[in-house]
Amino acid sequence: MAGDCRLRRVIVAVPAPLVSIIVPAFNAERFVARALRSALGQAYPNLEIIVIDDGSTDRTAEIVRSCSDPRIRLVVQANRGQAAARNHGIRLSAGKYVTFLDADDAYLPAKVERQVAFLEATPGFQGAFCDAAHFYSRDPRTLLGRRRGRGSGDFFRDLLHGSMINPNTLMLAGDLVRNGFLFREDRYYPEEWELCLRLARAGVRVGHQDEALVVVELREDSNTAMEIQWRLKRHTLEMFERLFAGMPEDERRARHAKAVLRSCRRKLAFACLVARDPAGSIAVTAEMIPRPLGTILRGVLRVVPPAPVRAIGGRAWRLRQRLGFYRIETPAVVQAWARVLGDGAGG
């Protein structure tokens, strides 16, 4: 990572490079207007906003079409998943830089301007990512930051220990992504994590901007999110197994491959407990979970019905998530978010 790349407001030279914002959207009628409002509200004007409607069955396309700004382009495709929608947008893009905005999230007004300024000022870098603020659906005006360490300075090493880059925070050189660095399109796959690992492994320099420029919505009681956790964790384990299999033995040792894989297996075992069918999930992942742990889990499920196990596990997972946050009270961030919400509270 590039250390603290916080920049004050920078006036980008004219003509400013075109930036492509890729917005994948599936049944996003409740959120997509907010996302587009945040994109159109950027201090940086030279944008193309490519919305890929991924086979929505609600009013998503209608709402996008109602936006008259000529920078917005709507493309409708059959449902293929979020990663495929992002890739479709990348292939259609023309920007010097490409960035991403999920339809249920939002940018703060300085997001694109700050990242373009950083990349234009540091030509050795082909990407940048910022921090993200979060909020729970029930309380949209309370912004939360994620607690994390400062990082080791080794982008690849840090990625081995966590998916630290939300795709909304990432801006990449357009030619880089259009020429091969696309998202893996498997469903329920940590595609943004896998992409960042490939970028780091290839020596692509990606800088970190230590400020929240993106806002991500959290739906705390989403059953769907809980039910797919075991699939996400299984695919994460498979991702790292493939990664380490391609390394020479001395590099695997240096990267602590065994410890990384053990951690993945423990997380997979826990995720099985909060799945809709814990016993079935454990059976499917039996070869991946350490045998003693799998034996313990199956023993628990023989004694305790799946429903309370799932409920307790889900509460523990949500508690751990909440404990990882702190409240953001930075006036500039809070006021910028108020303006995105459109409530005037930011002055």
Protein backbone atom coordinates (compact mmCIF):
# COMPACT_ATOMS: atom_id res chain seq x y z
CA MET A 1 0.00 0.00 0.00
CA ALA A 2 1.04 3.60 -0.51
CA GLY A 3 0.68 4.70 3.11
CA ASP A 4 -1.43 7.76 3.85
CA CYS A 5 -2.39 9.25 0.50
CA ARG A 6 -4.91 11.74 1.93
CA LEU A 7 -5.12 14.73 -0.36
CA ARG A 8 -6.60 18.15 0.16
CA ARG A 9 -8.91 19.45 -2.53
CA VAL A 10 -6.97 19.48 -5.78
CA ILE A 11 -7.99 21.31 -8.95
CA VAL A 12 -7.49 18.83 -11.78
CA ALA A 13 -6.07 20.33 -14.96
CA VAL A 14 -8.43 20.83 -17.90
CA PRO A 15 -9.22 18.86 -19.95
CA ALA A 16 -10.01 16.43 -17.16
CA PRO A 17 -9.82 12.72 -18.04
CA LEU A 18 -13.08 10.85 -18.52
CA VAL A 19 -14.09 8.58 -15.63
CA SER A 20 -16.46 5.64 -16.15
CA ILE A 21 -18.71 4.76 -13.20
CA ILE A 22 -20.05 1.20 -13.56
CA VAL A 23 -23.34 0.59 -11.69
CA PRO A 24 -24.54 -3.04 -11.58
CA ALA A 25 -28.22 -3.16 -10.58
CA PHE A 26 -30.60 -6.02 -9.86
CA ASN A 27 -34.08 -5.32 -8.45
CA ALA A 28 -32.74 -2.09 -6.99
CA GLU A 29 -35.84 0.13 -7.27
CA ARG A 30 -35.55 1.10 -3.58
CA PHE A 31 -31.96 2.29 -3.87
CA VAL A 32 -30.86 3.09 -7.42
CA ALA A 33 -32.12 6.70 -7.44
CA ARG A 34 -29.93 7.45 -4.40
CA ALA A 35 -26.91 5.83 -6.05
CA LEU A 36 -27.40 7.83 -9.24
CA ARG A 37 -28.00 11.03 -7.30
CA SER A 38 -24.65 10.50 -5.57
CA ALA A 39 -22.90 9.84 -8.89
CA LEU A 40 -24.43 12.90 -10.55
CA GLY A 41 -23.57 14.96 -7.47
CA GLN A 42 -19.83 14.43 -7.88
CA ALA A 43 -17.65 17.53 -7.78
CA TYR A 44 -15.83 15.99 -10.74
CA PRO A 45 -17.99 16.51 -13.85
CA ASN A 46 -16.37 14.52 -16.69
CA LEU A 47 -18.20 11.25 -16.16
CA GLU A 48 -19.99 8.49 -18.00
CA ILE A 49 -22.32 6.47 -15.77
CA ILE A 50 -23.03 3.03 -17.18
CA VAL A 51 -25.91 1.25 -15.43
CA ILE A 52 -26.10 -2.48 -16.17
CA ASP A 53 -29.58 -3.75 -15.28
CA ASP A 54 -28.91 -7.41 -14.54
CA GLY A 55 -32.33 -8.81 -15.46
CA SER A 56 -34.36 -6.87 -12.89
CA THR A 57 -38.05 -7.69 -12.56
CA ASP A 58 -38.99 -4.50 -10.72
CA ARG A 59 -38.90 -0.79 -11.69
CA THR A 60 -35.10 -0.43 -11.72
CA ALA A 61 -34.84 0.27 -15.48
CA GLU A 62 -37.81 2.64 -15.39
CA ILE A 63 -36.23 4.69 -12.61
CA VAL A 64 -32.89 4.88 -14.44
CA ARG A 65 -34.62 5.96 -17.66
CA SER A 66 -36.36 8.75 -15.75
CA CYS A 67 -32.96 10.37 -15.11
CA SER A 68 -32.46 12.85 -17.92
CA ASP A 69 -28.74 13.50 -17.45
CA PRO A 70 -26.97 12.58 -20.73
CA ARG A 71 -24.04 11.10 -18.82
CA ILE A 72 -26.21 8.13 -17.78
CA ARG A 73 -26.38 5.13 -20.09
CA LEU A 74 -28.67 2.17 -19.34
CA VAL A 75 -27.88 -1.32 -20.63
CA VAL A 76 -30.21 -4.25 -19.87
CA GLN A 77 -28.92 -7.82 -19.83
CA ALA A 78 -30.26 -11.23 -18.79
CA ASN A 79 -29.55 -12.05 -15.16
CA ARG A 80 -25.95 -13.24 -14.91
CA GLY A 81 -24.83 -11.90 -11.55
CA GLN A 82 -23.12 -8.81 -10.23
CA ALA A 83 -19.59 -9.63 -11.43
CA ALA A 84 -20.82 -10.29 -14.98
CA ALA A 85 -22.70 -6.98 -14.89
CA ARG A 86 -19.56 -5.14 -13.80
CA ASN A 87 -17.54 -6.82 -16.55
CA HIS A 88 -20.16 -5.87 -19.15
CA GLY A 89 -19.89 -2.26 -18.02
CA ILE A 90 -16.08 -2.36 -18.14
CA ARG A 91 -16.15 -3.61 -21.74
CA LEU A 92 -18.48 -0.76 -22.72
CA SER A 93 -16.50 1.90 -20.88
CA ALA A 94 -14.32 4.56 -22.49
CA GLY A 95 -12.86 6.27 -19.42
CA LYS A 96 -9.21 6.74 -18.62
CA TYR A 97 -10.26 5.54 -15.18
CA VAL A 98 -12.98 3.07 -14.18
CA THR A 99 -14.71 2.93 -10.83
CA PHE A 100 -17.66 0.99 -9.43
CA LEU A 101 -20.86 1.84 -7.57
CA ASP A 102 -23.27 -0.84 -6.36
CA ALA A 103 -26.89 0.26 -6.84
CA ASP A 104 -27.65 0.11 -3.10
CA ASP A 105 -24.63 2.20 -2.05
CA ALA A 106 -23.50 5.79 -2.64
CA TYR A 107 -20.54 8.08 -3.24
CA LEU A 108 -19.76 11.19 -1.24
CA PRO A 109 -19.34 14.22 -3.53
CA ALA A 110 -15.51 14.32 -3.54
CA LYS A 111 -14.97 10.61 -4.27
CA VAL A 112 -14.11 10.72 -7.96
CA GLU A 113 -12.28 14.06 -7.75
CA ARG A 114 -9.99 12.87 -4.93
CA GLN A 115 -9.11 9.62 -6.65
CA VAL A 116 -8.46 11.18 -10.06
CA ALA A 117 -6.25 13.80 -8.37
CA PHE A 118 -4.22 11.08 -6.67
CA LEU A 119 -3.78 8.97 -9.82
CA GLU A 120 -2.91 11.97 -11.99
CA ALA A 121 -0.33 13.13 -9.42
CA THR A 122 1.29 9.70 -8.97
CA PRO A 123 1.69 8.11 -12.41
CA GLY A 124 3.42 5.03 -11.00
CA PHE A 125 0.07 3.93 -9.58
CA GLN A 126 -2.63 2.28 -11.67
CA GLY A 127 -5.28 2.19 -8.98
CA ALA A 128 -6.48 3.72 -5.73
CA PHE A 129 -8.94 2.74 -3.03
CA CYS A 130 -10.41 4.80 -0.23
CA ASP A 131 -12.14 3.94 3.01
CA ALA A 132 -15.89 3.35 3.27
CA ALA A 133 -18.45 4.55 5.76
CA HIS A 134 -21.33 2.21 6.60
CA PHE A 135 -24.84 2.53 7.97
CA TYR A 136 -27.57 0.12 9.03
CA SER A 137 -30.82 0.42 7.09
CA ARG A 138 -32.78 1.24 10.24
CA ASP A 139 -30.53 4.26 11.01
CA PRO A 140 -29.24 5.86 7.79
CA ARG A 141 -27.93 9.02 9.46
CA THR A 142 -25.49 7.21 11.76
CA LEU A 143 -22.30 6.52 9.84
CA LEU A 144 -19.89 3.83 10.99
CA GLY A 145 -16.25 3.20 10.18
CA ARG A 146 -14.59 -0.20 10.20
CA ARG A 147 -11.82 -0.79 12.72
CA ARG A 148 -8.64 -2.13 11.15
CA GLY A 149 -4.89 -1.93 11.49
CA ARG A 150 -2.70 0.41 9.53
CA GLY A 151 -1.50 -2.32 7.18
CA SER A 152 1.97 -3.71 6.68
CA GLY A 153 2.86 -1.65 3.61
CA ASP A 154 2.80 -4.89 1.58
CA PHE A 155 -0.44 -4.80 -0.44
CA PHE A 156 -0.36 -8.51 -1.29
CA ARG A 157 0.46 -9.59 2.26
CA ASP A 158 -2.42 -7.56 3.68
CA LEU A 159 -4.84 -9.10 1.18
CA LEU A 160 -3.87 -12.58 2.35
CA HIS A 161 -5.36 -11.75 5.74
CA GLY A 162 -8.58 -10.02 4.77
CA SER A 163 -10.75 -8.57 2.05
CA MET A 164 -9.93 -4.99 2.88
CA ILE A 165 -11.16 -3.34 -0.35
CA ASN A 166 -14.85 -2.74 -0.94
CA PRO A 167 -15.36 -2.61 -4.74
CA ASN A 168 -17.15 0.76 -4.46
CA THR A 169 -13.93 2.30 -3.13
CA LEU A 170 -11.75 1.16 -6.00
CA MET A 171 -10.68 3.19 -9.03
CA LEU A 172 -8.48 1.55 -11.67
CA ALA A 173 -6.85 2.56 -14.94
CA GLY A 174 -9.36 1.85 -17.71
CA ASP A 175 -6.84 0.21 -20.05
CA LEU A 176 -5.73 -2.09 -17.23
CA VAL A 177 -9.19 -3.54 -16.59
CA ARG A 178 -10.31 -3.58 -20.22
CA ASN A 179 -7.19 -5.55 -21.16
CA GLY A 180 -7.74 -8.49 -18.85
CA PHE A 181 -8.19 -7.57 -15.18
CA LEU A 182 -11.89 -8.40 -15.04
CA PHE A 183 -13.96 -9.86 -12.19
CA ARG A 184 -14.39 -13.60 -11.85
CA GLU A 185 -18.04 -14.29 -12.68
CA ASP A 186 -18.89 -17.25 -10.40
CA ARG A 187 -21.90 -16.50 -8.20
CA TYR A 188 -21.36 -16.09 -4.45
CA TYR A 189 -17.66 -15.57 -5.05
CA PRO A 190 -15.41 -12.95 -3.38
CA GLU A 191 -14.70 -11.54 -6.84
CA GLU A 192 -13.35 -8.16 -5.75
CA TRP A 193 -10.93 -9.83 -3.31
CA GLU A 194 -9.73 -12.21 -6.01
CA LEU A 195 -9.26 -9.33 -8.46
CA CYS A 196 -7.20 -7.35 -5.95
CA LEU A 197 -5.04 -10.39 -5.22
CA ARG A 198 -4.35 -10.77 -8.95
CA LEU A 199 -3.51 -7.09 -9.25
CA ALA A 200 -1.11 -7.24 -6.30
CA ARG A 201 0.46 -10.49 -7.52
CA ALA A 202 1.07 -8.88 -10.92
CA GLY A 203 2.84 -5.94 -9.29
CA VAL A 204 0.14 -3.37 -10.04
CA ARG A 205 0.57 -0.44 -7.63
CA VAL A 206 -2.66 0.52 -5.86
CA GLY A 207 -2.65 3.43 -3.42
CA HIS A 208 -4.72 3.77 -0.25
CA GLN A 209 -6.52 7.04 0.49
CA ASP A 210 -7.20 7.17 4.20
CA GLU A 211 -10.58 8.90 4.08
CA ALA A 212 -14.18 7.74 3.72
CA LEU A 213 -15.49 8.70 0.29
CA VAL A 214 -18.08 5.93 -0.15
CA VAL A 215 -21.12 4.95 1.92
CA VAL A 216 -22.27 1.31 2.10
CA GLU A 217 -25.67 0.18 3.38
CA LEU A 218 -25.85 -2.79 5.77
CA ARG A 219 -29.07 -4.75 6.10
CA GLU A 220 -28.54 -6.31 9.50
CA ASP A 221 -31.38 -8.83 9.40
CA SER A 222 -30.85 -10.04 5.84
CA ASN A 223 -31.52 -13.78 5.87
CA THR A 224 -30.10 -14.08 2.37
CA ALA A 225 -26.76 -12.68 3.50
CA MET A 226 -26.58 -15.24 6.31
CA GLU A 227 -27.61 -18.15 4.13
CA ILE A 228 -24.90 -17.60 1.50
CA GLN A 229 -22.06 -17.09 3.96
CA TRP A 230 -20.99 -20.73 3.77
CA ARG A 231 -20.80 -20.53 -0.04
CA LEU A 232 -18.73 -17.35 0.14
CA LYS A 233 -16.39 -18.93 2.68
CA ARG A 234 -16.10 -22.12 0.62
CA HIS A 235 -15.17 -20.12 -2.46
CA THR A 236 -12.70 -18.05 -0.42
CA LEU A 237 -10.96 -21.24 0.68
CA GLU A 238 -10.88 -22.52 -2.90
CA MET A 239 -9.48 -19.16 -4.05
CA PHE A 240 -6.57 -19.36 -1.63
CA GLU A 241 -5.93 -23.02 -2.36
CA ARG A 242 -5.53 -22.16 -6.05
CA LEU A 243 -3.36 -19.15 -5.24
CA PHE A 244 -0.96 -21.08 -3.02
CA ALA A 245 -0.86 -24.04 -5.41
CA GLY A 246 0.72 -21.73 -7.97
CA MET A 247 3.52 -20.65 -5.62
CA PRO A 248 6.88 -22.33 -5.08
CA GLU A 249 7.22 -23.98 -1.69
CA ASP A 250 9.55 -21.33 -0.25
CA GLU A 251 7.08 -18.57 -1.08
CA ARG A 252 4.19 -20.56 0.44
CA ARG A 253 6.19 -20.79 3.67
CA ALA A 254 7.08 -17.09 3.57
CA ARG A 255 3.41 -16.20 3.02
CA HIS A 256 2.28 -18.50 5.88
CA ALA A 257 0.00 -20.42 3.55
CA LYS A 258 -0.90 -23.10 6.12
CA ALA A 259 -2.04 -20.51 8.65
CA VAL A 260 -4.12 -18.65 6.04
CA LEU A 261 -5.83 -21.89 4.96
CA ARG A 262 -6.50 -22.92 8.58
CA SER A 263 -8.18 -19.59 9.20
CA CYS A 264 -10.32 -20.03 6.06
CA ARG A 265 -11.43 -23.50 7.19
CA ARG A 266 -12.42 -22.27 10.66
CA LYS A 267 -14.50 -19.48 9.14
CA LEU A 268 -16.12 -21.95 6.76
CA ALA A 269 -17.04 -24.24 9.66
CA PHE A 270 -18.73 -21.40 11.53
CA ALA A 271 -20.54 -20.21 8.40
CA CYS A 272 -22.02 -23.69 8.01
CA LEU A 273 -23.79 -23.26 11.34
CA VAL A 274 -25.66 -20.14 10.25
CA ALA A 275 -26.75 -21.61 6.90
CA ARG A 276 -30.39 -22.56 6.28
CA ASP A 277 -29.37 -26.25 6.27
CA PRO A 278 -26.37 -26.51 8.63
CA ALA A 279 -26.06 -30.30 8.39
CA GLY A 280 -26.27 -30.23 4.60
CA SER A 281 -23.74 -27.42 4.38
CA ILE A 282 -21.31 -29.31 6.59
CA ALA A 283 -21.74 -32.42 4.44
CA VAL A 284 -20.99 -30.46 1.25
CA THR A 285 -17.85 -28.92 2.75
CA ALA A 286 -16.70 -32.02 4.65
CA GLU A 287 -13.43 -32.28 2.75
CA MET A 288 -12.54 -28.67 3.52
CA ILE A 289 -13.27 -28.49 7.25
CA PRO A 290 -10.67 -29.95 9.67
CA ARG A 291 -11.91 -33.43 10.62
CA PRO A 292 -12.02 -32.87 14.43
CA LEU A 293 -14.02 -29.67 13.96
CA GLY A 294 -16.40 -31.33 11.52
CA THR A 295 -16.97 -34.17 14.01
CA ILE A 296 -17.78 -31.67 16.78
CA LEU A 297 -20.20 -29.75 14.56
CA ARG A 298 -22.04 -32.89 13.48
CA GLY A 299 -22.25 -33.98 17.11
CA VAL A 300 -23.76 -30.65 18.12
CA LEU A 301 -26.37 -30.92 15.36
CA ARG A 302 -27.38 -34.41 16.47
CA VAL A 303 -28.27 -33.04 19.91
CA VAL A 304 -29.48 -29.50 19.16
CA PRO A 305 -32.08 -28.72 16.46
CA PRO A 306 -30.70 -26.69 13.54
CA ALA A 307 -32.97 -23.66 14.08
CA PRO A 308 -31.57 -22.54 17.48
CA VAL A 309 -28.02 -23.31 16.35
CA ARG A 310 -28.57 -21.09 13.32
CA ALA A 311 -30.16 -18.35 15.44
CA ILE A 312 -27.34 -18.30 18.01
CA GLY A 313 -24.70 -18.38 15.30
CA GLY A 314 -26.39 -15.58 13.42
CA ARG A 315 -26.56 -13.38 16.52
CA ALA A 316 -22.87 -14.02 17.21
CA TRP A 317 -21.97 -13.14 13.62
CA ARG A 318 -23.92 -9.86 13.77
CA LEU A 319 -22.43 -8.97 17.16
CA ARG A 320 -18.93 -9.49 15.82
CA GLN A 321 -19.78 -7.26 12.86
CA ARG A 322 -21.11 -4.47 15.11
CA LEU A 323 -18.07 -4.61 17.39
CA GLY A 324 -15.85 -4.03 14.38
CA PHE A 325 -17.30 -0.55 13.81
CA TYR A 326 -16.89 2.88 15.37
CA ARG A 327 -19.10 5.94 14.88
CA ILE A 328 -17.90 8.49 12.32
CA GLU A 329 -18.34 12.04 13.57
CA THR A 330 -16.08 13.92 11.14
CA PRO A 331 -18.21 16.97 10.24
CA ALA A 332 -17.23 17.03 6.55
CA VAL A 333 -18.22 13.37 6.09
CA VAL A 334 -21.48 13.67 8.06
CA GLN A 335 -22.50 16.83 6.22
CA ALA A 336 -21.64 15.40 2.80
CA TRP A 337 -23.76 12.32 3.53
CA ALA A 338 -26.66 14.50 4.67
CA ARG A 339 -26.54 16.24 1.30
CA VAL A 340 -26.61 12.89 -0.52
CA LEU A 341 -29.64 11.88 1.53
CA GLY A 342 -31.19 15.18 0.53
CA ASP A 343 -32.36 16.18 3.98
CA GLY A 344 -30.57 19.51 4.23
CA ALA A 345 -29.12 18.62 7.63
CA GLY A 346 -25.61 19.07 6.34
CA GLY A 347 -26.11 22.81 5.85
